């Protein structure tokens, strides 16, 4: 069967909250690829001439615009989307800011600050932080999710079990993300693209940068995922070639437990391990990581298991 041509959903198709009644921008079939033109997390309010004062004047209602939503033909509650991140096309401009009342240490850093980045979109030259540091270009999508089942409009800032503003820096080219579906058609949206970020995103912003995001979306029927899961390939991921489970919620300890429990469940299903053996394997080989700790009230924890420990190197 000849694959469908890649469609482009332009950045005028954005919304600023999750809502199962949001009118869809397009309908795609499982297996189709689509390019989403994503605005930056500030919705373009901080341009090349912006200053610290512009940070203080930002309209918070325009934070984290997401492009979409996409209806995935045949998706039903209980299914999962398997979303392969094919490509990200960086724009060459980005920003990092200290936003008053936002970030892990917001009580200690109360004044707005802005750092602008003009960078080589090809990645051949690192991003310069003045003359003090060089940051490798590592583009990824910070916000990607499906619509929650609960009616009404929900803030796009905190992540949730159907994804959203997870800020997992492994969600770059080559990664496949599995997202739970809670509503018919799934209603997939994405945005908040980043040129680079550390685990935690501790000041509240990464290198926020508009990009075109190309995805290929497949459907896994009756997957019954509790939380998002993802699988990475290649050296560009912070965890190398691995499978990772997540925990998302307002309590870091509970989210950590959910992420580890998710990996134990995954290993018992895919590797025929007992739960006890899987738990021990998690302890000696897995990596528990805080992906973001700023998008109140929910935090994102990831647990990555490297594929290299398995003799066949196959997907775990």
C-alpha atoms as a PDB file:
ATOM      1  CA  UNK A   1       0.000   0.000   0.000  1.00  0.00           C
ATOM      2  CA  UNK A   2       1.335   3.412  -0.956  1.00  0.00           C
ATOM      3  CA  UNK A   3       1.820   5.584   2.151  1.00  0.00           C
ATOM      4  CA  UNK A   4      -0.172   8.789   2.355  1.00  0.00           C
ATOM      5  CA  UNK A   5       1.762  11.988   1.617  1.00  0.00           C
ATOM      6  CA  UNK A   6       2.899  13.918   4.680  1.00  0.00           C
ATOM      7  CA  UNK A   7       0.350  16.574   5.584  1.00  0.00           C
ATOM      8  CA  UNK A   8       1.279  19.859   7.243  1.00  0.00           C
ATOM      9  CA  UNK A   9      -0.871  21.344   9.999  1.00  0.00           C
ATOM     10  CA  UNK A  10       0.011  25.029  10.195  1.00  0.00           C
ATOM     11  CA  UNK A  11       0.509  26.976  13.397  1.00  0.00           C
ATOM     12  CA  UNK A  12      -2.790  28.832  13.054  1.00  0.00           C
ATOM     13  CA  UNK A  13      -4.366  25.576  14.282  1.00  0.00           C
ATOM     14  CA  UNK A  14      -3.371  26.065  17.926  1.00  0.00           C
ATOM     15  CA  UNK A  15      -5.202  25.844  21.221  1.00  0.00           C
ATOM     16  CA  UNK A  16      -4.235  26.716  24.785  1.00  0.00           C
ATOM     17  CA  UNK A  17      -5.874  23.969  26.827  1.00  0.00           C
ATOM     18  CA  UNK A  18      -6.954  20.331  26.636  1.00  0.00           C
ATOM     19  CA  UNK A  19     -10.632  19.916  25.771  1.00  0.00           C
ATOM     20  CA  UNK A  20     -12.374  16.874  24.320  1.00  0.00           C
ATOM     21  CA  UNK A  21     -14.708  19.251  22.442  1.00  0.00           C
ATOM     22  CA  UNK A  22     -11.868  21.125  20.674  1.00  0.00           C
ATOM     23  CA  UNK A  23     -12.634  21.157  16.922  1.00  0.00           C
ATOM     24  CA  UNK A  24     -10.124  18.914  15.108  1.00  0.00           C
ATOM     25  CA  UNK A  25      -7.629  20.383  12.691  1.00  0.00           C
ATOM     26  CA  UNK A  26      -7.473  17.179  10.628  1.00  0.00           C
ATOM     27  CA  UNK A  27      -8.185  13.453  10.613  1.00  0.00           C
ATOM     28  CA  UNK A  28      -5.430  10.973   9.841  1.00  0.00           C
ATOM     29  CA  UNK A  29      -5.333   7.204   9.467  1.00  0.00           C
ATOM     30  CA  UNK A  30      -3.065   4.927  11.532  1.00  0.00           C
ATOM     31  CA  UNK A  31       0.325   4.792   9.861  1.00  0.00           C
ATOM     32  CA  UNK A  32       0.074   8.284   8.413  1.00  0.00           C
ATOM     33  CA  UNK A  33       2.789  10.894   8.915  1.00  0.00           C
ATOM     34  CA  UNK A  34       2.030  14.517   9.639  1.00  0.00           C
ATOM     35  CA  UNK A  35       4.066  17.687  10.186  1.00  0.00           C
ATOM     36  CA  UNK A  36       2.898  20.063  12.905  1.00  0.00           C
ATOM     37  CA  UNK A  37       4.142  23.638  12.713  1.00  0.00           C
ATOM     38  CA  UNK A  38       4.723  24.450  16.389  1.00  0.00           C
ATOM     39  CA  UNK A  39       4.982  27.877  17.958  1.00  0.00           C
ATOM     40  CA  UNK A  40       7.364  28.443  20.869  1.00  0.00           C
ATOM     41  CA  UNK A  41       6.128  28.128  24.461  1.00  0.00           C
ATOM     42  CA  UNK A  42       5.621  31.895  24.730  1.00  0.00           C
ATOM     43  CA  UNK A  43       3.513  32.051  21.574  1.00  0.00           C
ATOM     44  CA  UNK A  44       6.016  34.409  19.942  1.00  0.00           C
ATOM     45  CA  UNK A  45       5.857  37.031  22.690  1.00  0.00           C
ATOM     46  CA  UNK A  46       9.650  36.981  23.144  1.00  0.00           C
ATOM     47  CA  UNK A  47      11.293  37.782  19.828  1.00  0.00           C
ATOM     48  CA  UNK A  48      14.893  38.614  18.830  1.00  0.00           C
ATOM     49  CA  UNK A  49      14.647  42.109  20.357  1.00  0.00           C
ATOM     50  CA  UNK A  50      12.980  41.099  23.628  1.00  0.00           C
ATOM     51  CA  UNK A  51      14.238  42.238  27.028  1.00  0.00           C
ATOM     52  CA  UNK A  52      13.788  41.302  30.686  1.00  0.00           C
ATOM     53  CA  UNK A  53      10.828  43.684  30.842  1.00  0.00           C
ATOM     54  CA  UNK A  54       9.065  41.719  28.119  1.00  0.00           C
ATOM     55  CA  UNK A  55       9.227  38.603  30.290  1.00  0.00           C
ATOM     56  CA  UNK A  56       7.334  40.373  33.069  1.00  0.00           C
ATOM     57  CA  UNK A  57       4.740  41.597  30.569  1.00  0.00           C
ATOM     58  CA  UNK A  58       3.985  38.185  29.019  1.00  0.00           C
ATOM     59  CA  UNK A  59       0.348  37.129  28.745  1.00  0.00           C
ATOM     60  CA  UNK A  60       0.201  33.851  30.710  1.00  0.00           C
ATOM     61  CA  UNK A  61      -2.984  32.785  28.927  1.00  0.00           C
ATOM     62  CA  UNK A  62      -0.893  32.329  25.762  1.00  0.00           C
ATOM     63  CA  UNK A  63       1.610  29.919  27.350  1.00  0.00           C
ATOM     64  CA  UNK A  64       2.340  26.588  25.662  1.00  0.00           C
ATOM     65  CA  UNK A  65       0.228  26.737  22.506  1.00  0.00           C
ATOM     66  CA  UNK A  66      -0.211  23.278  20.989  1.00  0.00           C
ATOM     67  CA  UNK A  67      -0.928  22.536  17.343  1.00  0.00           C
ATOM     68  CA  UNK A  68      -3.885  20.301  16.554  1.00  0.00           C
ATOM     69  CA  UNK A  69      -5.854  18.414  17.556  1.00  0.00           C
ATOM     70  CA  UNK A  70      -5.654  15.451  15.211  1.00  0.00           C
ATOM     71  CA  UNK A  71      -8.326  12.793  15.084  1.00  0.00           C
ATOM     72  CA  UNK A  72      -6.758   9.344  14.687  1.00  0.00           C
ATOM     73  CA  UNK A  73      -9.227   7.225  12.747  1.00  0.00           C
ATOM     74  CA  UNK A  74     -10.350   4.214  14.784  1.00  0.00           C
ATOM     75  CA  UNK A  75      -8.826   5.285  18.104  1.00  0.00           C
ATOM     76  CA  UNK A  76     -11.025   4.405  21.077  1.00  0.00           C
ATOM     77  CA  UNK A  77     -10.728   4.714  24.862  1.00  0.00           C
ATOM     78  CA  UNK A  78      -8.335   2.062  26.163  1.00  0.00           C
ATOM     79  CA  UNK A  79      -6.191   2.131  23.011  1.00  0.00           C
ATOM     80  CA  UNK A  80      -2.778   3.755  22.761  1.00  0.00           C
ATOM     81  CA  UNK A  81      -1.129   5.864  20.099  1.00  0.00           C
ATOM     82  CA  UNK A  82       2.350   4.777  19.006  1.00  0.00           C
ATOM     83  CA  UNK A  83       3.922   8.046  17.882  1.00  0.00           C
ATOM     84  CA  UNK A  84       7.291   7.893  16.158  1.00  0.00           C
ATOM     85  CA  UNK A  85       9.088  11.222  16.228  1.00  0.00           C
ATOM     86  CA  UNK A  86      10.488  11.393  12.721  1.00  0.00           C
ATOM     87  CA  UNK A  87      12.076  14.833  12.625  1.00  0.00           C
ATOM     88  CA  UNK A  88      12.293  18.273  14.192  1.00  0.00           C
ATOM     89  CA  UNK A  89      13.320  21.303  12.159  1.00  0.00           C
ATOM     90  CA  UNK A  90      14.801  23.934  14.514  1.00  0.00           C
ATOM     91  CA  UNK A  91      14.229  27.584  13.687  1.00  0.00           C
ATOM     92  CA  UNK A  92      17.640  28.944  14.785  1.00  0.00           C
ATOM     93  CA  UNK A  93      16.196  31.250  17.440  1.00  0.00           C
ATOM     94  CA  UNK A  94      15.167  30.536  21.021  1.00  0.00           C
ATOM     95  CA  UNK A  95      14.947  31.922  24.520  1.00  0.00           C
ATOM     96  CA  UNK A  96      15.344  30.915  28.150  1.00  0.00           C
ATOM     97  CA  UNK A  97      13.719  32.968  30.885  1.00  0.00           C
ATOM     98  CA  UNK A  98      13.267  33.312  34.594  1.00  0.00           C
ATOM     99  CA  UNK A  99       9.541  33.966  34.881  1.00  0.00           C
ATOM    100  CA  UNK A 100       8.342  35.416  38.203  1.00  0.00           C
ATOM    101  CA  UNK A 101       6.480  32.881  40.374  1.00  0.00           C
ATOM    102  CA  UNK A 102       7.530  29.985  38.123  1.00  0.00           C
ATOM    103  CA  UNK A 103      10.310  27.433  38.504  1.00  0.00           C
ATOM    104  CA  UNK A 104      11.723  25.216  41.236  1.00  0.00           C
ATOM    105  CA  UNK A 105      13.411  28.117  43.061  1.00  0.00           C
ATOM    106  CA  UNK A 106      10.833  30.785  42.290  1.00  0.00           C
ATOM    107  CA  UNK A 107      11.001  32.060  45.868  1.00  0.00           C
ATOM    108  CA  UNK A 108      14.733  32.755  45.468  1.00  0.00           C
ATOM    109  CA  UNK A 109      14.653  34.213  41.935  1.00  0.00           C
ATOM    110  CA  UNK A 110      11.866  36.763  41.857  1.00  0.00           C
ATOM    111  CA  UNK A 111      13.000  39.113  39.088  1.00  0.00           C
ATOM    112  CA  UNK A 112      12.443  38.417  35.364  1.00  0.00           C
ATOM    113  CA  UNK A 113      15.509  37.559  33.310  1.00  0.00           C
ATOM    114  CA  UNK A 114      15.902  36.629  29.651  1.00  0.00           C
ATOM    115  CA  UNK A 115      18.622  34.945  27.624  1.00  0.00           C
ATOM    116  CA  UNK A 116      18.235  34.914  23.829  1.00  0.00           C
ATOM    117  CA  UNK A 117      19.776  32.198  21.673  1.00  0.00           C
ATOM    118  CA  UNK A 118      20.672  32.524  17.994  1.00  0.00           C
ATOM    119  CA  UNK A 119      21.982  29.152  16.941  1.00  0.00           C
ATOM    120  CA  UNK A 120      23.055  26.979  14.035  1.00  0.00           C
ATOM    121  CA  UNK A 121      19.898  25.035  13.180  1.00  0.00           C
ATOM    122  CA  UNK A 122      21.986  22.275  11.569  1.00  0.00           C
ATOM    123  CA  UNK A 123      23.560  21.422  14.926  1.00  0.00           C
ATOM    124  CA  UNK A 124      27.100  21.532  13.592  1.00  0.00           C
ATOM    125  CA  UNK A 125      27.927  24.388  15.964  1.00  0.00           C
ATOM    126  CA  UNK A 126      26.890  24.189  19.644  1.00  0.00           C
ATOM    127  CA  UNK A 127      24.653  26.831  21.167  1.00  0.00           C
ATOM    128  CA  UNK A 128      26.791  29.433  22.961  1.00  0.00           C
ATOM    129  CA  UNK A 129      25.894  30.591  26.465  1.00  0.00           C
ATOM    130  CA  UNK A 130      27.964  33.756  26.229  1.00  0.00           C
ATOM    131  CA  UNK A 131      31.635  32.778  26.308  1.00  0.00           C
ATOM    132  CA  UNK A 132      31.118  30.495  29.313  1.00  0.00           C
ATOM    133  CA  UNK A 133      29.526  27.325  27.949  1.00  0.00           C
ATOM    134  CA  UNK A 134      28.494  25.495  24.792  1.00  0.00           C
ATOM    135  CA  UNK A 135      25.255  23.503  24.661  1.00  0.00           C
ATOM    136  CA  UNK A 136      24.762  20.763  22.048  1.00  0.00           C
ATOM    137  CA  UNK A 137      21.639  21.136  19.941  1.00  0.00           C
ATOM    138  CA  UNK A 138      19.224  18.389  21.065  1.00  0.00           C
ATOM    139  CA  UNK A 139      15.729  19.229  19.800  1.00  0.00           C
ATOM    140  CA  UNK A 140      12.677  17.549  21.283  1.00  0.00           C
ATOM    141  CA  UNK A 141       8.966  18.109  21.796  1.00  0.00           C
ATOM    142  CA  UNK A 142       8.084  19.242  25.313  1.00  0.00           C
ATOM    143  CA  UNK A 143       4.293  18.994  25.105  1.00  0.00           C
ATOM    144  CA  UNK A 144       2.491  16.177  23.335  1.00  0.00           C
ATOM    145  CA  UNK A 145      -0.733  14.574  24.477  1.00  0.00           C
ATOM    146  CA  UNK A 146      -4.243  13.378  23.817  1.00  0.00           C
ATOM    147  CA  UNK A 147      -7.470  14.845  25.138  1.00  0.00           C
ATOM    148  CA  UNK A 148      -8.599  13.827  28.650  1.00  0.00           C
ATOM    149  CA  UNK A 149     -11.978  12.159  29.085  1.00  0.00           C
ATOM    150  CA  UNK A 150     -13.163  14.666  31.680  1.00  0.00           C
ATOM    151  CA  UNK A 151     -15.312  17.340  29.985  1.00  0.00           C
ATOM    152  CA  UNK A 152     -14.309  20.993  29.956  1.00  0.00           C
ATOM    153  CA  UNK A 153     -11.113  22.899  29.316  1.00  0.00           C
ATOM    154  CA  UNK A 154      -8.027  21.865  31.287  1.00  0.00           C
ATOM    155  CA  UNK A 155      -4.780  23.783  31.680  1.00  0.00           C
ATOM    156  CA  UNK A 156      -2.020  22.849  29.257  1.00  0.00           C
ATOM    157  CA  UNK A 157       0.693  23.533  31.868  1.00  0.00           C
ATOM    158  CA  UNK A 158       0.590  20.388  34.059  1.00  0.00           C
ATOM    159  CA  UNK A 159       1.131  17.005  32.406  1.00  0.00           C
ATOM    160  CA  UNK A 160      -1.318  14.179  33.031  1.00  0.00           C
ATOM    161  CA  UNK A 161      -1.718  10.451  32.353  1.00  0.00           C
ATOM    162  CA  UNK A 162      -2.537  11.173  28.683  1.00  0.00           C
ATOM    163  CA  UNK A 163       0.721  13.105  28.278  1.00  0.00           C
ATOM    164  CA  UNK A 164       0.836  16.848  27.722  1.00  0.00           C
ATOM    165  CA  UNK A 165       3.592  19.062  29.097  1.00  0.00           C
ATOM    166  CA  UNK A 166       5.871  16.199  30.146  1.00  0.00           C
ATOM    167  CA  UNK A 167       9.137  17.926  29.154  1.00  0.00           C
ATOM    168  CA  UNK A 168      10.940  14.615  28.657  1.00  0.00           C
ATOM    169  CA  UNK A 169      14.137  15.469  26.795  1.00  0.00           C
ATOM    170  CA  UNK A 170      14.312  12.021  25.182  1.00  0.00           C
ATOM    171  CA  UNK A 171      11.301  12.819  22.963  1.00  0.00           C
ATOM    172  CA  UNK A 172      13.430  13.688  19.947  1.00  0.00           C
ATOM    173  CA  UNK A 173      13.962  12.116  16.526  1.00  0.00           C
ATOM    174  CA  UNK A 174      13.988   8.318  16.634  1.00  0.00           C
ATOM    175  CA  UNK A 175      11.924   7.998  19.806  1.00  0.00           C
ATOM    176  CA  UNK A 176       8.541   6.273  19.778  1.00  0.00           C
ATOM    177  CA  UNK A 177       6.083   7.534  22.381  1.00  0.00           C
ATOM    178  CA  UNK A 178       3.056   5.520  23.500  1.00  0.00           C
ATOM    179  CA  UNK A 179       0.163   7.650  24.783  1.00  0.00           C
ATOM    180  CA  UNK A 180      -3.091   6.461  26.406  1.00  0.00           C
ATOM    181  CA  UNK A 181      -6.323   7.265  24.587  1.00  0.00           C
ATOM    182  CA  UNK A 182      -9.311   8.405  26.678  1.00  0.00           C
ATOM    183  CA  UNK A 183     -11.673   9.774  23.995  1.00  0.00           C
ATOM    184  CA  UNK A 184     -12.809   8.620  20.577  1.00  0.00           C
ATOM    185  CA  UNK A 185     -10.325   9.763  17.937  1.00  0.00           C
ATOM    186  CA  UNK A 186      -7.658  10.494  20.604  1.00  0.00           C
ATOM    187  CA  UNK A 187      -7.372  14.211  19.664  1.00  0.00           C
ATOM    188  CA  UNK A 188      -3.574  14.433  19.528  1.00  0.00           C
ATOM    189  CA  UNK A 189      -1.828  17.819  19.838  1.00  0.00           C
ATOM    190  CA  UNK A 190       1.799  18.881  20.277  1.00  0.00           C
ATOM    191  CA  UNK A 191       3.946  21.967  20.808  1.00  0.00           C
ATOM    192  CA  UNK A 192       6.441  23.525  23.222  1.00  0.00           C
ATOM    193  CA  UNK A 193       9.431  22.457  21.119  1.00  0.00           C
ATOM    194  CA  UNK A 194      12.878  22.845  22.677  1.00  0.00           C
ATOM    195  CA  UNK A 195      16.393  23.163  21.275  1.00  0.00           C
ATOM    196  CA  UNK A 196      17.898  21.680  24.468  1.00  0.00           C
ATOM    197  CA  UNK A 197      17.001  21.038  28.098  1.00  0.00           C
ATOM    198  CA  UNK A 198      18.406  19.357  31.183  1.00  0.00           C
ATOM    199  CA  UNK A 199      16.434  16.833  33.217  1.00  0.00           C
ATOM    200  CA  UNK A 200      14.098  18.669  35.568  1.00  0.00           C
ATOM    201  CA  UNK A 201      13.869  21.915  33.533  1.00  0.00           C
ATOM    202  CA  UNK A 202      14.538  23.487  36.920  1.00  0.00           C
ATOM    203  CA  UNK A 203      14.147  27.215  36.145  1.00  0.00           C
ATOM    204  CA  UNK A 204      10.878  26.519  34.339  1.00  0.00           C
ATOM    205  CA  UNK A 205      12.063  27.048  30.769  1.00  0.00           C
ATOM    206  CA  UNK A 206      14.363  25.200  28.383  1.00  0.00           C
ATOM    207  CA  UNK A 207      15.727  26.688  25.161  1.00  0.00           C
ATOM    208  CA  UNK A 208      12.248  27.495  23.890  1.00  0.00           C
ATOM    209  CA  UNK A 209      12.241  27.475  20.105  1.00  0.00           C
ATOM    210  CA  UNK A 210       9.610  27.224  17.380  1.00  0.00           C
ATOM    211  CA  UNK A 211      10.003  24.149  15.151  1.00  0.00           C
ATOM    212  CA  UNK A 212       8.272  21.955  12.620  1.00  0.00           C
ATOM    213  CA  UNK A 213       7.608  18.530  14.134  1.00  0.00           C
ATOM    214  CA  UNK A 214       7.072  15.464  11.938  1.00  0.00           C
ATOM    215  CA  UNK A 215       5.332  12.456  13.484  1.00  0.00           C
ATOM    216  CA  UNK A 216       4.173   9.068  12.264  1.00  0.00           C
ATOM    217  CA  UNK A 217       1.157   7.903  14.241  1.00  0.00           C
ATOM    218  CA  UNK A 218       0.075   4.286  14.655  1.00  0.00           C
ATOM    219  CA  UNK A 219      -2.622   2.727  16.799  1.00  0.00           C
ATOM    220  CA  UNK A 220      -2.279  -0.033  19.414  1.00  0.00           C
ATOM    221  CA  UNK A 221      -5.686  -1.469  20.197  1.00  0.00           C
ATOM    222  CA  UNK A 222      -6.687  -2.221  23.793  1.00  0.00           C
ATOM    223  CA  UNK A 223      -3.250  -1.278  25.151  1.00  0.00           C
ATOM    224  CA  UNK A 224      -4.587  -0.222  28.583  1.00  0.00           C
ATOM    225  CA  UNK A 225      -1.606   1.997  29.419  1.00  0.00           C
ATOM    226  CA  UNK A 226      -1.626   3.552  32.883  1.00  0.00           C
ATOM    227  CA  UNK A 227       0.854   6.287  31.891  1.00  0.00           C
ATOM    228  CA  UNK A 228       2.891   7.221  28.795  1.00  0.00           C
ATOM    229  CA  UNK A 229       5.781   4.974  27.816  1.00  0.00           C
ATOM    230  CA  UNK A 230       8.526   5.575  25.266  1.00  0.00           C
ATOM    231  CA  UNK A 231      11.308   3.763  23.437  1.00  0.00           C
ATOM    232  CA  UNK A 232      14.526   5.446  22.336  1.00  0.00           C
ATOM    233  CA  UNK A 233      17.152   4.558  19.770  1.00  0.00           C
ATOM    234  CA  UNK A 234      20.624   5.946  19.175  1.00  0.00           C
ATOM    235  CA  UNK A 235      23.052   8.185  20.988  1.00  0.00           C
ATOM    236  CA  UNK A 236      20.987  11.398  20.752  1.00  0.00           C
ATOM    237  CA  UNK A 237      18.813  10.276  23.645  1.00  0.00           C
ATOM    238  CA  UNK A 238      19.983  11.058  27.177  1.00  0.00           C
ATOM    239  CA  UNK A 239      19.364   7.416  28.117  1.00  0.00           C
ATOM    240  CA  UNK A 240      20.824   5.882  24.929  1.00  0.00           C
ATOM    241  CA  UNK A 241      18.851   3.035  23.390  1.00  0.00           C
ATOM    242  CA  UNK A 242      16.266   2.178  26.014  1.00  0.00           C
ATOM    243  CA  UNK A 243      12.650   1.662  26.924  1.00  0.00           C
ATOM    244  CA  UNK A 244      11.183   3.996  29.540  1.00  0.00           C
ATOM    245  CA  UNK A 245       8.061   4.170  31.639  1.00  0.00           C
ATOM    246  CA  UNK A 246       6.705   7.258  33.359  1.00  0.00           C
ATOM    247  CA  UNK A 247       4.876   8.397  36.450  1.00  0.00           C
ATOM    248  CA  UNK A 248       3.003  11.702  36.474  1.00  0.00           C
ATOM    249  CA  UNK A 249       1.357  13.377  39.444  1.00  0.00           C
ATOM    250  CA  UNK A 250       1.614  15.911  42.286  1.00  0.00           C
ATOM    251  CA  UNK A 251       3.796  13.718  44.534  1.00  0.00           C
ATOM    252  CA  UNK A 252       7.325  12.907  43.359  1.00  0.00           C
ATOM    253  CA  UNK A 253       7.509   9.753  45.453  1.00  0.00           C
ATOM    254  CA  UNK A 254       4.212   8.453  44.107  1.00  0.00           C
ATOM    255  CA  UNK A 255       5.256   9.328  40.540  1.00  0.00           C
ATOM    256  CA  UNK A 256       8.552   7.485  41.078  1.00  0.00           C
ATOM    257  CA  UNK A 257       6.702   4.431  42.335  1.00  0.00           C
ATOM    258  CA  UNK A 258       4.374   4.539  39.316  1.00  0.00           C
ATOM    259  CA  UNK A 259       7.309   4.761  36.898  1.00  0.00           C
ATOM    260  CA  UNK A 260       9.114   1.792  38.482  1.00  0.00           C
ATOM    261  CA  UNK A 261       5.923  -0.251  38.800  1.00  0.00           C
ATOM    262  CA  UNK A 262       5.223   0.428  35.142  1.00  0.00           C
ATOM    263  CA  UNK A 263       8.626  -0.953  34.179  1.00  0.00           C
ATOM    264  CA  UNK A 264       8.124  -4.053  36.326  1.00  0.00           C
ATOM    265  CA  UNK A 265       4.777  -4.677  34.636  1.00  0.00           C
ATOM    266  CA  UNK A 266       6.336  -4.116  31.209  1.00  0.00           C
ATOM    267  CA  UNK A 267       9.215  -6.526  31.866  1.00  0.00           C
ATOM    268  CA  UNK A 268       6.949  -9.245  33.205  1.00  0.00           C
ATOM    269  CA  UNK A 269       4.853  -9.020  30.015  1.00  0.00           C
ATOM    270  CA  UNK A 270       7.667  -8.760  27.477  1.00  0.00           C
ATOM    271  CA  UNK A 271      10.517 -10.730  29.083  1.00  0.00           C
ATOM    272  CA  UNK A 272       8.657 -13.470  30.987  1.00  0.00           C
ATOM    273  CA  UNK A 273      10.319 -12.375  34.215  1.00  0.00           C
ATOM    274  CA  UNK A 274       8.745 -12.756  37.610  1.00  0.00           C
ATOM    275  CA  UNK A 275       7.836  -9.485  39.284  1.00  0.00           C
ATOM    276  CA  UNK A 276      10.565 -10.111  41.875  1.00  0.00           C
ATOM    277  CA  UNK A 277      13.233 -10.623  39.201  1.00  0.00           C
ATOM    278  CA  UNK A 278      12.067  -7.567  37.269  1.00  0.00           C
ATOM    279  CA  UNK A 279      12.212  -5.426  40.420  1.00  0.00           C
ATOM    280  CA  UNK A 280      15.791  -6.513  41.124  1.00  0.00           C
ATOM    281  CA  UNK A 281      16.758  -5.886  37.493  1.00  0.00           C
ATOM    282  CA  UNK A 282      15.295  -2.387  37.739  1.00  0.00           C
ATOM    283  CA  UNK A 283      17.456  -1.720  40.781  1.00  0.00           C
ATOM    284  CA  UNK A 284      20.747  -2.809  39.217  1.00  0.00           C
ATOM    285  CA  UNK A 285      20.303  -1.544  35.633  1.00  0.00           C
ATOM    286  CA  UNK A 286      17.553   1.080  35.382  1.00  0.00           C
ATOM    287  CA  UNK A 287      17.753   4.865  35.677  1.00  0.00           C
ATOM    288  CA  UNK A 288      15.143   6.826  37.619  1.00  0.00           C
ATOM    289  CA  UNK A 289      15.074  10.439  36.435  1.00  0.00           C
ATOM    290  CA  UNK A 290      13.075  13.584  37.200  1.00  0.00           C
ATOM    291  CA  UNK A 291      12.117  14.813  33.733  1.00  0.00           C
ATOM    292  CA  UNK A 292      10.398  17.980  34.965  1.00  0.00           C
ATOM    293  CA  UNK A 293       9.663  19.380  38.406  1.00  0.00           C
ATOM    294  CA  UNK A 294       8.184  22.788  37.522  1.00  0.00           C
ATOM    295  CA  UNK A 295       4.845  22.301  35.750  1.00  0.00           C
ATOM    296  CA  UNK A 296       2.679  22.483  38.865  1.00  0.00           C
ATOM    297  CA  UNK A 297       0.822  20.719  40.191  1.00  0.00           C
ATOM    298  CA  UNK A 298       2.080  17.596  38.398  1.00  0.00           C
ATOM    299  CA  UNK A 299       5.664  16.375  38.003  1.00  0.00           C
ATOM    300  CA  UNK A 300       7.105  13.902  35.469  1.00  0.00           C
ATOM    301  CA  UNK A 301       9.352  10.998  36.453  1.00  0.00           C
ATOM    302  CA  UNK A 302      10.885   8.614  33.884  1.00  0.00           C
ATOM    303  CA  UNK A 303      12.415   5.189  34.431  1.00  0.00           C
ATOM    304  CA  UNK A 304      14.712   4.023  31.619  1.00  0.00           C
ATOM    305  CA  UNK A 305      15.942   0.474  31.056  1.00  0.00           C
ATOM    306  CA  UNK A 306      18.868   0.170  28.603  1.00  0.00           C
ATOM    307  CA  UNK A 307      18.396  -2.302  25.765  1.00  0.00           C
ATOM    308  CA  UNK A 308      22.110  -3.164  25.794  1.00  0.00           C
ATOM    309  CA  UNK A 309      21.761  -5.348  28.894  1.00  0.00           C
ATOM    310  CA  UNK A 310      19.641  -7.856  27.000  1.00  0.00           C
ATOM    311  CA  UNK A 311      21.438 -10.494  24.980  1.00  0.00           C
ATOM    312  CA  UNK A 312      19.332 -10.054  21.854  1.00  0.00           C
ATOM    313  CA  UNK A 313      19.387  -6.212  22.056  1.00  0.00           C
ATOM    314  CA  UNK A 314      15.757  -6.329  20.973  1.00  0.00           C
ATOM    315  CA  UNK A 315      13.041  -4.004  22.085  1.00  0.00           C
ATOM    316  CA  UNK A 316      12.295  -4.633  25.745  1.00  0.00           C
END
